[in-house]
Amino acid sequence: MSKKKNKSKKKEEESTLKTTWISMRSGLAIITIVSILLVIWTVWKASTGPIGERILWGLAFGGSIWVIFLFALFINRLFRRRK
């Protein structure tokens, strides 16, 4: 009986680890909002230099969030292929 409990407990732990914290849709919305706010904050705080250069730096920092997210998503999908 003990072995059955251990197996079922192990399956529950594995299924708990595979569940997501938040949905993909709300995660994308959060990342979009954060990256837009980072672009605005960077343009506002980088007061030295022309406006075009500040916008480019803001886009670089905002885009870096998306690069990191997409890389992590790629790695996750690569190693956790759905069956």
PDB file of N, CA and C in Angstrom:
ATOM      1  N   MET A   1       0.824  -1.185   0.000  1.00  0.00           N
ATOM      2  CA  MET A   1       0.000   0.000   0.000  1.00  0.00           C
ATOM      3  C   MET A   1       0.870   1.252   0.000  1.00  0.00           C
ATOM      4  N   SER A   2       1.984   1.157   0.650  1.00  0.00           N
ATOM      5  CA  SER A   2       2.888   2.295   0.733  1.00  0.00           C
ATOM      6  C   SER A   2       3.441   2.671  -0.638  1.00  0.00           C
ATOM      7  N   LYS A   3       3.734   1.668  -1.464  1.00  0.00           N
ATOM      8  CA  LYS A   3       4.271   1.938  -2.793  1.00  0.00           C
ATOM      9  C   LYS A   3       3.247   2.664  -3.658  1.00  0.00           C
ATOM     10  N   LYS A   4       1.977   2.304  -3.518  1.00  0.00           N
ATOM     11  CA  LYS A   4       0.927   2.959  -4.291  1.00  0.00           C
ATOM     12  C   LYS A   4       0.813   4.426  -3.897  1.00  0.00           C
ATOM     13  N   LYS A   5       0.917   4.695  -2.624  1.00  0.00           N
ATOM     14  CA  LYS A   5       0.834   6.076  -2.158  1.00  0.00           C
ATOM     15  C   LYS A   5       2.016   6.889  -2.669  1.00  0.00           C
ATOM     16  N   ASN A   6       3.192   6.289  -2.637  1.00  0.00           N
ATOM     17  CA  ASN A   6       4.385   6.985  -3.121  1.00  0.00           C
ATOM     18  C   ASN A   6       4.279   7.298  -4.614  1.00  0.00           C
ATOM     19  N   LYS A   7       3.765   6.331  -5.395  1.00  0.00           N
ATOM     20  CA  LYS A   7       3.623   6.553  -6.830  1.00  0.00           C
ATOM     21  C   LYS A   7       2.598   7.639  -7.114  1.00  0.00           C
ATOM     22  N   SER A   8       1.464   7.588  -6.417  1.00  0.00           N
ATOM     23  CA  SER A   8       0.439   8.607  -6.660  1.00  0.00           C
ATOM     24  C   SER A   8       0.907   9.982  -6.191  1.00  0.00           C
ATOM     25  N   LYS A   9       1.643  10.011  -5.098  1.00  0.00           N
ATOM     26  CA  LYS A   9       2.170  11.283  -4.604  1.00  0.00           C
ATOM     27  C   LYS A   9       3.186  11.859  -5.585  1.00  0.00           C
ATOM     28  N   LYS A  10       4.004  10.995  -6.165  1.00  0.00           N
ATOM     29  CA  LYS A  10       5.005  11.437  -7.135  1.00  0.00           C
ATOM     30  C   LYS A  10       4.327  11.981  -8.392  1.00  0.00           C
ATOM     31  N   LYS A  11       3.254  11.328  -8.842  1.00  0.00           N
ATOM     32  CA  LYS A  11       2.522  11.805 -10.014  1.00  0.00           C
ATOM     33  C   LYS A  11       1.877  13.160  -9.740  1.00  0.00           C
ATOM     34  N   GLU A  12       1.351  13.344  -8.538  1.00  0.00           N
ATOM     35  CA  GLU A  12       0.757  14.628  -8.170  1.00  0.00           C
ATOM     36  C   GLU A  12       1.811  15.731  -8.174  1.00  0.00           C
ATOM     37  N   GLU A  13       2.996  15.439  -7.657  1.00  0.00           N
ATOM     38  CA  GLU A  13       4.071  16.431  -7.634  1.00  0.00           C
ATOM     39  C   GLU A  13       4.507  16.798  -9.049  1.00  0.00           C
ATOM     40  N   GLU A  14       4.598  15.800  -9.931  1.00  0.00           N
ATOM     41  CA  GLU A  14       4.988  16.073 -11.318  1.00  0.00           C
ATOM     42  C   GLU A  14       3.937  16.913 -12.025  1.00  0.00           C
ATOM     43  N   SER A  15       2.658  16.607 -11.806  1.00  0.00           N
ATOM     44  CA  SER A  15       1.612  17.388 -12.460  1.00  0.00           C
ATOM     45  C   SER A  15       1.549  18.802 -11.894  1.00  0.00           C
ATOM     46  N   THR A  16       1.878  18.962 -10.623  1.00  0.00           N
ATOM     47  CA  THR A  16       1.905  20.292 -10.028  1.00  0.00           C
ATOM     48  C   THR A  16       3.030  21.121 -10.622  1.00  0.00           C
ATOM     49  N   LEU A  17       4.166  20.515 -10.897  1.00  0.00           N
ATOM     50  CA  LEU A  17       5.289  21.233 -11.487  1.00  0.00           C
ATOM     51  C   LEU A  17       5.015  21.643 -12.929  1.00  0.00           C
ATOM     52  N   LYS A  18       4.179  20.906 -13.627  1.00  0.00           N
ATOM     53  CA  LYS A  18       3.914  21.198 -15.029  1.00  0.00           C
ATOM     54  C   LYS A  18       2.824  22.244 -15.229  1.00  0.00           C
ATOM     55  N   THR A  19       2.100  22.590 -14.193  1.00  0.00           N
ATOM     56  CA  THR A  19       1.050  23.590 -14.352  1.00  0.00           C
ATOM     57  C   THR A  19       1.665  24.978 -14.422  1.00  0.00           C
ATOM     58  N   THR A  20       1.007  25.851 -15.167  1.00  0.00           N
ATOM     59  CA  THR A  20       1.518  27.209 -15.345  1.00  0.00           C
ATOM     60  C   THR A  20       1.035  28.116 -14.226  1.00  0.00           C
ATOM     61  N   TRP A  21       1.798  29.170 -13.978  1.00  0.00           N
ATOM     62  CA  TRP A  21       1.420  30.135 -12.951  1.00  0.00           C
ATOM     63  C   TRP A  21       0.303  31.027 -13.448  1.00  0.00           C
ATOM     64  N   ILE A  22       0.501  31.564 -14.645  1.00  0.00           N
ATOM     65  CA  ILE A  22      -0.503  32.428 -15.263  1.00  0.00           C
ATOM     66  C   ILE A  22      -0.680  31.988 -16.706  1.00  0.00           C
ATOM     67  N   SER A  23      -1.770  32.422 -17.316  1.00  0.00           N
ATOM     68  CA  SER A  23      -2.014  32.029 -18.702  1.00  0.00           C
ATOM     69  C   SER A  23      -1.082  32.790 -19.639  1.00  0.00           C
ATOM     70  N   MET A  24      -0.913  32.262 -20.833  1.00  0.00           N
ATOM     71  CA  MET A  24      -0.034  32.894 -21.817  1.00  0.00           C
ATOM     72  C   MET A  24      -0.561  34.273 -22.195  1.00  0.00           C
ATOM     73  N   ARG A  25      -1.867  34.403 -22.299  1.00  0.00           N
ATOM     74  CA  ARG A  25      -2.467  35.681 -22.704  1.00  0.00           C
ATOM     75  C   ARG A  25      -2.186  36.777 -21.684  1.00  0.00           C
ATOM     76  N   SER A  26      -2.399  36.478 -20.416  1.00  0.00           N
ATOM     77  CA  SER A  26      -2.142  37.500 -19.396  1.00  0.00           C
ATOM     78  C   SER A  26      -0.643  37.755 -19.242  1.00  0.00           C
ATOM     79  N   GLY A  27       0.178  36.750 -19.460  1.00  0.00           N
ATOM     80  CA  GLY A  27       1.622  36.945 -19.414  1.00  0.00           C
ATOM     81  C   GLY A  27       2.107  37.864 -20.518  1.00  0.00           C
ATOM     82  N   LEU A  28       1.569  37.675 -21.721  1.00  0.00           N
ATOM     83  CA  LEU A  28       1.934  38.559 -22.830  1.00  0.00           C
ATOM     84  C   LEU A  28       1.466  39.985 -22.579  1.00  0.00           C
ATOM     85  N   ALA A  29       0.287  40.128 -21.973  1.00  0.00           N
ATOM     86  CA  ALA A  29      -0.213  41.470 -21.656  1.00  0.00           C
ATOM     87  C   ALA A  29       0.691  42.156 -20.637  1.00  0.00           C
ATOM     88  N   ILE A  30       1.124  41.423 -19.632  1.00  0.00           N
ATOM     89  CA  ILE A  30       2.006  41.991 -18.606  1.00  0.00           C
ATOM     90  C   ILE A  30       3.349  42.393 -19.216  1.00  0.00           C
ATOM     91  N   ILE A  31       3.913  41.533 -20.046  1.00  0.00           N
ATOM     92  CA  ILE A  31       5.199  41.843 -20.670  1.00  0.00           C
ATOM     93  C   ILE A  31       5.069  43.049 -21.598  1.00  0.00           C
ATOM     94  N   THR A  32       3.964  43.144 -22.322  1.00  0.00           N
ATOM     95  CA  THR A  32       3.745  44.292 -23.200  1.00  0.00           C
ATOM     96  C   THR A  32       3.685  45.585 -22.408  1.00  0.00           C
ATOM     97  N   ILE A  33       2.924  45.586 -21.325  1.00  0.00           N
ATOM     98  CA  ILE A  33       2.793  46.787 -20.495  1.00  0.00           C
ATOM     99  C   ILE A  33       4.137  47.171 -19.886  1.00  0.00           C
ATOM    100  N   VAL A  34       4.850  46.193 -19.360  1.00  0.00           N
ATOM    101  CA  VAL A  34       6.144  46.474 -18.730  1.00  0.00           C
ATOM    102  C   VAL A  34       7.151  47.003 -19.751  1.00  0.00           C
ATOM    103  N   SER A  35       7.176  46.423 -20.941  1.00  0.00           N
ATOM    104  CA  SER A  35       8.140  46.894 -21.940  1.00  0.00           C
ATOM    105  C   SER A  35       7.796  48.298 -22.434  1.00  0.00           C
ATOM    106  N   ILE A  36       6.520  48.612 -22.592  1.00  0.00           N
ATOM    107  CA  ILE A  36       6.129  49.969 -22.989  1.00  0.00           C
ATOM    108  C   ILE A  36       6.485  50.967 -21.895  1.00  0.00           C
ATOM    109  N   LEU A  37       6.223  50.599 -20.647  1.00  0.00           N
ATOM    110  CA  LEU A  37       6.583  51.488 -19.540  1.00  0.00           C
ATOM    111  C   LEU A  37       8.099  51.678 -19.450  1.00  0.00           C
ATOM    112  N   LEU A  38       8.861  50.644 -19.735  1.00  0.00           N
ATOM    113  CA  LEU A  38      10.318  50.766 -19.719  1.00  0.00           C
ATOM    114  C   LEU A  38      10.812  51.691 -20.827  1.00  0.00           C
ATOM    115  N   VAL A  39      10.195  51.608 -21.991  1.00  0.00           N
ATOM    116  CA  VAL A  39      10.562  52.515 -23.087  1.00  0.00           C
ATOM    117  C   VAL A  39      10.284  53.957 -22.686  1.00  0.00           C
ATOM    118  N   ILE A  40       9.101  54.217 -22.143  1.00  0.00           N
ATOM    119  CA  ILE A  40       8.728  55.577 -21.730  1.00  0.00           C
ATOM    120  C   ILE A  40       9.659  56.076 -20.636  1.00  0.00           C
ATOM    121  N   TRP A  41       9.934  55.238 -19.652  1.00  0.00           N
ATOM    122  CA  TRP A  41      10.799  55.644 -18.540  1.00  0.00           C
ATOM    123  C   TRP A  41      12.221  55.932 -19.018  1.00  0.00           C
ATOM    124  N   THR A  42      12.723  55.106 -19.933  1.00  0.00           N
ATOM    125  CA  THR A  42      14.079  55.311 -20.448  1.00  0.00           C
ATOM    126  C   THR A  42      14.172  56.608 -21.246  1.00  0.00           C
ATOM    127  N   VAL A  43      13.183  56.875 -22.082  1.00  0.00           N
ATOM    128  CA  VAL A  43      13.188  58.113 -22.870  1.00  0.00           C
ATOM    129  C   VAL A  43      13.107  59.321 -21.944  1.00  0.00           C
ATOM    130  N   TRP A  44      12.323  59.220 -20.896  1.00  0.00           N
ATOM    131  CA  TRP A  44      12.141  60.342 -19.974  1.00  0.00           C
ATOM    132  C   TRP A  44      13.391  60.575 -19.122  1.00  0.00           C
ATOM    133  N   LYS A  45      14.017  59.505 -18.649  1.00  0.00           N
ATOM    134  CA  LYS A  45      15.159  59.636 -17.748  1.00  0.00           C
ATOM    135  C   LYS A  45      16.465  59.955 -18.470  1.00  0.00           C
ATOM    136  N   ALA A  46      16.614  59.536 -19.697  1.00  0.00           N
ATOM    137  CA  ALA A  46      17.840  59.807 -20.447  1.00  0.00           C
ATOM    138  C   ALA A  46      17.734  61.203 -21.056  1.00  0.00           C
ATOM    139  N   SER A  47      17.864  62.200 -20.219  1.00  0.00           N
ATOM    140  CA  SER A  47      17.616  63.571 -20.665  1.00  0.00           C
ATOM    141  C   SER A  47      18.777  64.166 -21.451  1.00  0.00           C
ATOM    142  N   THR A  48      19.921  63.521 -21.458  1.00  0.00           N
ATOM    143  CA  THR A  48      21.044  64.047 -22.236  1.00  0.00           C
ATOM    144  C   THR A  48      21.032  63.417 -23.617  1.00  0.00           C
ATOM    145  N   GLY A  49      21.169  64.221 -24.616  1.00  0.00           N
ATOM    146  CA  GLY A  49      21.212  63.718 -25.982  1.00  0.00           C
ATOM    147  C   GLY A  49      19.935  64.041 -26.735  1.00  0.00           C
ATOM    148  N   PRO A  50      19.969  63.849 -28.036  1.00  0.00           N
ATOM    149  CA  PRO A  50      18.797  64.142 -28.861  1.00  0.00           C
ATOM    150  C   PRO A  50      17.672  63.137 -28.619  1.00  0.00           C
ATOM    151  N   ILE A  51      16.458  63.551 -28.947  1.00  0.00           N
ATOM    152  CA  ILE A  51      15.280  62.722 -28.680  1.00  0.00           C
ATOM    153  C   ILE A  51      15.321  61.412 -29.473  1.00  0.00           C
ATOM    154  N   GLY A  52      15.857  61.445 -30.678  1.00  0.00           N
ATOM    155  CA  GLY A  52      15.935  60.220 -31.483  1.00  0.00           C
ATOM    156  C   GLY A  52      16.806  59.159 -30.847  1.00  0.00           C
ATOM    157  N   GLU A  53      17.922  59.598 -30.287  1.00  0.00           N
ATOM    158  CA  GLU A  53      18.817  58.654 -29.615  1.00  0.00           C
ATOM    159  C   GLU A  53      18.167  58.093 -28.355  1.00  0.00           C
ATOM    160  N   ARG A  54      17.452  58.930 -27.625  1.00  0.00           N
ATOM    161  CA  ARG A  54      16.767  58.451 -26.411  1.00  0.00           C
ATOM    162  C   ARG A  54      15.691  57.438 -26.755  1.00  0.00           C
ATOM    163  N   ILE A  55      14.964  57.677 -27.846  1.00  0.00           N
ATOM    164  CA  ILE A  55      13.925  56.728 -28.263  1.00  0.00           C
ATOM    165  C   ILE A  55      14.558  55.397 -28.666  1.00  0.00           C
ATOM    166  N   LEU A  56      15.674  55.449 -29.357  1.00  0.00           N
ATOM    167  CA  LEU A  56      16.356  54.203 -29.741  1.00  0.00           C
ATOM    168  C   LEU A  56      16.824  53.415 -28.521  1.00  0.00           C
ATOM    169  N   TRP A  57      17.361  54.113 -27.514  1.00  0.00           N
ATOM    170  CA  TRP A  57      17.763  53.424 -26.282  1.00  0.00           C
ATOM    171  C   TRP A  57      16.545  52.828 -25.578  1.00  0.00           C
ATOM    172  N   GLY A  58      15.456  53.562 -25.562  1.00  0.00           N
ATOM    173  CA  GLY A  58      14.232  53.038 -24.956  1.00  0.00           C
ATOM    174  C   GLY A  58      13.733  51.801 -25.670  1.00  0.00           C
ATOM    175  N   LEU A  59      13.752  51.831 -26.997  1.00  0.00           N
ATOM    176  CA  LEU A  59      13.328  50.657 -27.763  1.00  0.00           C
ATOM    177  C   LEU A  59      14.273  49.477 -27.554  1.00  0.00           C
ATOM    178  N   ALA A  60      15.545  49.766 -27.395  1.00  0.00           N
ATOM    179  CA  ALA A  60      16.513  48.686 -27.141  1.00  0.00           C
ATOM    180  C   ALA A  60      16.236  48.019 -25.796  1.00  0.00           C
ATOM    181  N   PHE A  61      15.980  48.827 -24.769  1.00  0.00           N
ATOM    182  CA  PHE A  61      15.711  48.245 -23.452  1.00  0.00           C
ATOM    183  C   PHE A  61      14.354  47.548 -23.416  1.00  0.00           C
ATOM    184  N   GLY A  62      13.346  48.150 -24.025  1.00  0.00           N
ATOM    185  CA  GLY A  62      12.033  47.507 -24.082  1.00  0.00           C
ATOM    186  C   GLY A  62      12.058  46.234 -24.903  1.00  0.00           C
ATOM    187  N   GLY A  63      12.819  46.246 -25.991  1.00  0.00           N
ATOM    188  CA  GLY A  63      12.929  45.054 -26.827  1.00  0.00           C
ATOM    189  C   GLY A  63      13.725  43.945 -26.175  1.00  0.00           C
ATOM    190  N   SER A  64      14.636  44.321 -25.283  1.00  0.00           N
ATOM    191  CA  SER A  64      15.433  43.291 -24.611  1.00  0.00           C
ATOM    192  C   SER A  64      14.563  42.405 -23.724  1.00  0.00           C
ATOM    193  N   ILE A  65      13.492  42.956 -23.188  1.00  0.00           N
ATOM    194  CA  ILE A  65      12.559  42.137 -22.405  1.00  0.00           C
ATOM    195  C   ILE A  65      11.951  41.056 -23.297  1.00  0.00           C
ATOM    196  N   TRP A  66      11.570  41.446 -24.516  1.00  0.00           N
ATOM    197  CA  TRP A  66      10.983  40.483 -25.439  1.00  0.00           C
ATOM    198  C   TRP A  66      12.002  39.444 -25.897  1.00  0.00           C
ATOM    199  N   VAL A  67      13.241  39.840 -26.091  1.00  0.00           N
ATOM    200  CA  VAL A  67      14.281  38.883 -26.497  1.00  0.00           C
ATOM    201  C   VAL A  67      14.489  37.835 -25.408  1.00  0.00           C
ATOM    202  N   ILE A  68      14.559  38.278 -24.169  1.00  0.00           N
ATOM    203  CA  ILE A  68      14.740  37.347 -23.050  1.00  0.00           C
ATOM    204  C   ILE A  68      13.536  36.429 -22.917  1.00  0.00           C
ATOM    205  N   PHE A  69      12.328  36.987 -23.039  1.00  0.00           N
ATOM    206  CA  PHE A  69      11.111  36.177 -22.934  1.00  0.00           C
ATOM    207  C   PHE A  69      11.047  35.131 -24.043  1.00  0.00           C
ATOM    208  N   LEU A  70      11.304  35.539 -25.273  1.00  0.00           N
ATOM    209  CA  LEU A  70      11.221  34.598 -26.387  1.00  0.00           C
ATOM    210  C   LEU A  70      12.296  33.519 -26.301  1.00  0.00           C
ATOM    211  N   PHE A  71      13.483  33.873 -25.815  1.00  0.00           N
ATOM    212  CA  PHE A  71      14.533  32.878 -25.624  1.00  0.00           C
ATOM    213  C   PHE A  71      14.125  31.864 -24.550  1.00  0.00           C
ATOM    214  N   ALA A  72      13.568  32.342 -23.448  1.00  0.00           N
ATOM    215  CA  ALA A  72      13.126  31.435 -22.384  1.00  0.00           C
ATOM    216  C   ALA A  72      11.976  30.553 -22.861  1.00  0.00           C
ATOM    217  N   LEU A  73      11.070  31.112 -23.653  1.00  0.00           N
ATOM    218  CA  LEU A  73       9.962  30.330 -24.196  1.00  0.00           C
ATOM    219  C   LEU A  73      10.474  29.252 -25.150  1.00  0.00           C
ATOM    220  N   PHE A  74      11.456  29.603 -25.970  1.00  0.00           N
ATOM    221  CA  PHE A  74      12.046  28.632 -26.890  1.00  0.00           C
ATOM    222  C   PHE A  74      12.707  27.484 -26.131  1.00  0.00           C
ATOM    223  N   ILE A  75      13.477  27.811 -25.112  1.00  0.00           N
ATOM    224  CA  ILE A  75      14.146  26.778 -24.312  1.00  0.00           C
ATOM    225  C   ILE A  75      13.114  25.894 -23.614  1.00  0.00           C
ATOM    226  N   ASN A  76      12.072  26.513 -23.074  1.00  0.00           N
ATOM    227  CA  ASN A  76      11.031  25.755 -22.386  1.00  0.00           C
ATOM    228  C   ASN A  76      10.331  24.803 -23.350  1.00  0.00           C
ATOM    229  N   ARG A  77       9.979  25.281 -24.518  1.00  0.00           N
ATOM    230  CA  ARG A  77       9.298  24.428 -25.492  1.00  0.00           C
ATOM    231  C   ARG A  77      10.230  23.359 -26.056  1.00  0.00           C
ATOM    232  N   LEU A  78      11.513  23.658 -26.105  1.00  0.00           N
ATOM    233  CA  LEU A  78      12.478  22.691 -26.619  1.00  0.00           C
ATOM    234  C   LEU A  78      12.617  21.501 -25.672  1.00  0.00           C
ATOM    235  N   PHE A  79      12.702  21.776 -24.374  1.00  0.00           N
ATOM    236  CA  PHE A  79      12.926  20.708 -23.409  1.00  0.00           C
ATOM    237  C   PHE A  79      11.646  20.081 -22.876  1.00  0.00           C
ATOM    238  N   ARG A  80      10.540  20.764 -22.970  1.00  0.00           N
ATOM    239  CA  ARG A  80       9.276  20.217 -22.473  1.00  0.00           C
ATOM    240  C   ARG A  80       8.291  20.061 -23.615  1.00  0.00           C
ATOM    241  N   ARG A  81       8.645  19.230 -24.544  1.00  0.00           N
ATOM    242  CA  ARG A  81       7.745  18.996 -25.671  1.00  0.00           C
ATOM    243  C   ARG A  81       6.503  18.271 -25.189  1.00  0.00           C
ATOM    244  N   ARG A  82       5.383  18.723 -25.708  1.00  0.00           N
ATOM    245  CA  ARG A  82       4.112  18.094 -25.322  1.00  0.00           C
ATOM    246  C   ARG A  82       3.941  16.804 -26.094  1.00  0.00           C
ATOM    247  N   LYS A  83       3.375  15.832 -25.420  1.00  0.00           N
ATOM    248  CA  LYS A  83       3.207  14.512 -26.039  1.00  0.00           C
ATOM    249  C   LYS A  83       1.796  14.328 -26.533  1.00  0.00           C
TER     250      LYS A  83
END
